[in-house]
Amino acid sequence: MDQQLELLLEIQDLRMQRRGLTDGTLTDLEAEVFDIKIEDAIRSLDEKVEELAQRLTRGIRERYRRIADKAPRVVAPVINGICYGCFVAVSTARASEADRNLRVESCEYCGCFLYHVG
């Protein structure tokens, strides 16, 4: 798998964790039981996301930031030829390539980076 794509997937995972902290999924009782200070956890996740984003190449980092400002999901899985960012079929040639996930690709419809599953 392409190293830049791996970084993007890791960043997306951290962003999802952050969203769980900010949308009320983690209750005050859970935070107390696990001895978590939500503000500290959010700050830590933000720092890690920025650290990983700095490891992206300039072009991918700029594209990542544009997508991240607009959408909750930066990387969308492609399952059975369908982009799960916009639910539109990706081109047959792109979906059937033997070397998929060995380079960073974007959906031509929604702009998300693509990760081929299966």
C-alpha atoms as a PDB file:
ATOM      1  CA  MET A   1       0.000   0.000   0.000  1.00  0.00           C
ATOM      2  CA  ASP A   2       1.166   3.517  -0.771  1.00  0.00           C
ATOM      3  CA  GLN A   3       2.734   5.218   2.277  1.00  0.00           C
ATOM      4  CA  GLN A   4       0.800   8.446   1.652  1.00  0.00           C
ATOM      5  CA  LEU A   5      -2.467   6.482   1.548  1.00  0.00           C
ATOM      6  CA  GLU A   6      -1.556   4.807   4.853  1.00  0.00           C
ATOM      7  CA  LEU A   7      -0.979   8.244   6.408  1.00  0.00           C
ATOM      8  CA  LEU A   8      -4.332   9.461   5.085  1.00  0.00           C
ATOM      9  CA  LEU A   9      -6.100   6.448   6.585  1.00  0.00           C
ATOM     10  CA  GLU A  10      -4.404   7.016   9.941  1.00  0.00           C
ATOM     11  CA  ILE A  11      -5.357  10.703   9.881  1.00  0.00           C
ATOM     12  CA  GLN A  12      -8.950   9.807   9.081  1.00  0.00           C
ATOM     13  CA  ASP A  13      -9.073   7.361  11.987  1.00  0.00           C
ATOM     14  CA  LEU A  14      -7.789  10.024  14.395  1.00  0.00           C
ATOM     15  CA  ARG A  15     -10.332  12.534  13.064  1.00  0.00           C
ATOM     16  CA  MET A  16     -13.127  10.030  13.672  1.00  0.00           C
ATOM     17  CA  GLN A  17     -11.897   9.534  17.239  1.00  0.00           C
ATOM     18  CA  ARG A  18     -11.886  13.304  17.728  1.00  0.00           C
ATOM     19  CA  ARG A  19     -15.428  13.540  16.381  1.00  0.00           C
ATOM     20  CA  GLY A  20     -16.483  10.969  18.967  1.00  0.00           C
ATOM     21  CA  LEU A  21     -15.107  13.206  21.700  1.00  0.00           C
ATOM     22  CA  THR A  22     -16.763  16.375  20.435  1.00  0.00           C
ATOM     23  CA  ASP A  23     -20.203  15.044  19.468  1.00  0.00           C
ATOM     24  CA  GLY A  24     -21.087  13.786  22.942  1.00  0.00           C
ATOM     25  CA  THR A  25     -20.536  10.105  22.218  1.00  0.00           C
ATOM     26  CA  LEU A  26     -18.224   9.929  25.233  1.00  0.00           C
ATOM     27  CA  THR A  27     -20.268  10.734  28.309  1.00  0.00           C
ATOM     28  CA  ASP A  28     -18.943  12.584  31.348  1.00  0.00           C
ATOM     29  CA  LEU A  29     -19.249   9.370  33.357  1.00  0.00           C
ATOM     30  CA  GLU A  30     -17.144   7.425  30.830  1.00  0.00           C
ATOM     31  CA  ALA A  31     -14.554  10.198  30.816  1.00  0.00           C
ATOM     32  CA  GLU A  32     -14.410  10.018  34.603  1.00  0.00           C
ATOM     33  CA  VAL A  33     -14.182   6.203  34.681  1.00  0.00           C
ATOM     34  CA  PHE A  34     -11.367   6.170  32.124  1.00  0.00           C
ATOM     35  CA  ASP A  35      -9.735   9.241  33.689  1.00  0.00           C
ATOM     36  CA  ILE A  36      -9.886  11.171  30.421  1.00  0.00           C
ATOM     37  CA  LYS A  37      -9.913  14.938  30.199  1.00  0.00           C
ATOM     38  CA  ILE A  38     -11.787  15.492  26.977  1.00  0.00           C
ATOM     39  CA  GLU A  39     -10.088  18.807  26.187  1.00  0.00           C
ATOM     40  CA  ASP A  40      -6.636  17.218  26.636  1.00  0.00           C
ATOM     41  CA  ALA A  41      -7.604  14.262  24.453  1.00  0.00           C
ATOM     42  CA  ILE A  42      -8.898  16.560  21.705  1.00  0.00           C
ATOM     43  CA  ARG A  43      -5.733  18.651  21.829  1.00  0.00           C
ATOM     44  CA  SER A  44      -3.591  15.506  21.665  1.00  0.00           C
ATOM     45  CA  LEU A  45      -5.529  14.166  18.667  1.00  0.00           C
ATOM     46  CA  ASP A  46      -5.273  17.521  16.873  1.00  0.00           C
ATOM     47  CA  GLU A  47      -1.506  17.575  17.426  1.00  0.00           C
ATOM     48  CA  LYS A  48      -1.115  14.024  16.105  1.00  0.00           C
ATOM     49  CA  VAL A  49      -3.254  14.774  13.040  1.00  0.00           C
ATOM     50  CA  GLU A  50      -1.144  17.845  12.253  1.00  0.00           C
ATOM     51  CA  GLU A  51       2.077  15.863  12.770  1.00  0.00           C
ATOM     52  CA  LEU A  52       0.904  13.194  10.320  1.00  0.00           C
ATOM     53  CA  ALA A  53      -0.369  15.799   7.844  1.00  0.00           C
ATOM     54  CA  GLN A  54       3.104  17.345   7.746  1.00  0.00           C
ATOM     55  CA  ARG A  55       4.449  13.979   6.549  1.00  0.00           C
ATOM     56  CA  LEU A  56       2.192  14.075   3.485  1.00  0.00           C
ATOM     57  CA  THR A  57       3.655  15.404   0.260  1.00  0.00           C
ATOM     58  CA  ARG A  58       2.778  19.031  -0.362  1.00  0.00           C
ATOM     59  CA  GLY A  59       0.190  18.352  -3.080  1.00  0.00           C
ATOM     60  CA  ILE A  60      -1.578  15.605  -1.157  1.00  0.00           C
ATOM     61  CA  ARG A  61      -1.488  17.678   2.051  1.00  0.00           C
ATOM     62  CA  GLU A  62      -3.120  20.650   0.290  1.00  0.00           C
ATOM     63  CA  ARG A  63      -5.794  18.411  -1.236  1.00  0.00           C
ATOM     64  CA  TYR A  64      -6.345  16.719   2.152  1.00  0.00           C
ATOM     65  CA  ARG A  65      -6.914  20.094   3.838  1.00  0.00           C
ATOM     66  CA  ARG A  66      -9.405  21.190   1.161  1.00  0.00           C
ATOM     67  CA  ILE A  67     -11.396  17.977   1.553  1.00  0.00           C
ATOM     68  CA  ALA A  68     -11.154  17.960   5.371  1.00  0.00           C
ATOM     69  CA  ASP A  69     -12.606  21.479   5.546  1.00  0.00           C
ATOM     70  CA  LYS A  70     -15.735  20.351   3.686  1.00  0.00           C
ATOM     71  CA  ALA A  71     -16.323  16.699   4.506  1.00  0.00           C
ATOM     72  CA  PRO A  72     -16.106  14.456   7.549  1.00  0.00           C
ATOM     73  CA  ARG A  73     -14.519  11.694   5.475  1.00  0.00           C
ATOM     74  CA  VAL A  74     -11.254  12.275   3.625  1.00  0.00           C
ATOM     75  CA  VAL A  75     -10.652   8.708   2.441  1.00  0.00           C
ATOM     76  CA  ALA A  76     -13.541   6.702   1.043  1.00  0.00           C
ATOM     77  CA  PRO A  77     -13.485   2.952   0.538  1.00  0.00           C
ATOM     78  CA  VAL A  78     -14.230   1.543  -2.888  1.00  0.00           C
ATOM     79  CA  ILE A  79     -16.234  -1.662  -2.564  1.00  0.00           C
ATOM     80  CA  ASN A  80     -17.374  -3.566  -5.641  1.00  0.00           C
ATOM     81  CA  GLY A  81     -16.480  -0.577  -7.793  1.00  0.00           C
ATOM     82  CA  ILE A  82     -18.549   1.933  -5.778  1.00  0.00           C
ATOM     83  CA  CYS A  83     -17.038   4.960  -4.018  1.00  0.00           C
ATOM     84  CA  TYR A  84     -18.534   5.028  -0.530  1.00  0.00           C
ATOM     85  CA  GLY A  85     -17.905   8.771  -0.298  1.00  0.00           C
ATOM     86  CA  CYS A  86     -20.542   9.604  -2.921  1.00  0.00           C
ATOM     87  CA  PHE A  87     -21.945   6.156  -3.856  1.00  0.00           C
ATOM     88  CA  VAL A  88     -21.060   6.610  -7.517  1.00  0.00           C
ATOM     89  CA  ALA A  89     -19.362   3.880  -9.538  1.00  0.00           C
ATOM     90  CA  VAL A  90     -15.685   4.505 -10.209  1.00  0.00           C
ATOM     91  CA  SER A  91     -14.432   3.815 -13.708  1.00  0.00           C
ATOM     92  CA  THR A  92     -14.081   0.127 -14.523  1.00  0.00           C
ATOM     93  CA  ALA A  93     -10.451   0.570 -15.535  1.00  0.00           C
ATOM     94  CA  ARG A  94      -9.619   2.203 -12.197  1.00  0.00           C
ATOM     95  CA  ALA A  95     -11.541  -0.351 -10.131  1.00  0.00           C
ATOM     96  CA  SER A  96      -9.945  -3.390 -11.760  1.00  0.00           C
ATOM     97  CA  GLU A  97      -6.302  -2.316 -11.802  1.00  0.00           C
ATOM     98  CA  ALA A  98      -3.959  -4.848 -10.244  1.00  0.00           C
ATOM     99  CA  ASP A  99      -1.868  -2.183  -8.540  1.00  0.00           C
ATOM    100  CA  ARG A 100      -4.671  -0.303  -6.813  1.00  0.00           C
ATOM    101  CA  ASN A 101      -3.786   1.117  -3.395  1.00  0.00           C
ATOM    102  CA  LEU A 102      -0.180   1.343  -4.591  1.00  0.00           C
ATOM    103  CA  ARG A 103      -0.717   5.008  -5.430  1.00  0.00           C
ATOM    104  CA  VAL A 104      -3.005   7.755  -4.187  1.00  0.00           C
ATOM    105  CA  GLU A 105      -6.164   8.205  -6.250  1.00  0.00           C
ATOM    106  CA  SER A 106      -9.155  10.491  -5.857  1.00  0.00           C
ATOM    107  CA  CYS A 107     -12.789  10.050  -6.765  1.00  0.00           C
ATOM    108  CA  GLU A 108     -13.576  12.145  -9.821  1.00  0.00           C
ATOM    109  CA  TYR A 109     -17.039  12.912  -8.407  1.00  0.00           C
ATOM    110  CA  CYS A 110     -16.661  13.688  -4.668  1.00  0.00           C
ATOM    111  CA  GLY A 111     -12.906  14.300  -4.510  1.00  0.00           C
ATOM    112  CA  CYS A 112     -12.241  11.865  -1.635  1.00  0.00           C
ATOM    113  CA  PHE A 113      -9.046   9.863  -1.681  1.00  0.00           C
ATOM    114  CA  LEU A 114      -9.855   6.256  -2.589  1.00  0.00           C
ATOM    115  CA  TYR A 115      -8.983   3.077  -0.751  1.00  0.00           C
ATOM    116  CA  HIS A 116      -9.894  -0.117  -2.613  1.00  0.00           C
ATOM    117  CA  VAL A 117     -11.312  -2.884  -0.419  1.00  0.00           C
ATOM    118  CA  GLY A 118     -11.250  -6.503  -1.516  1.00  0.00           C
END
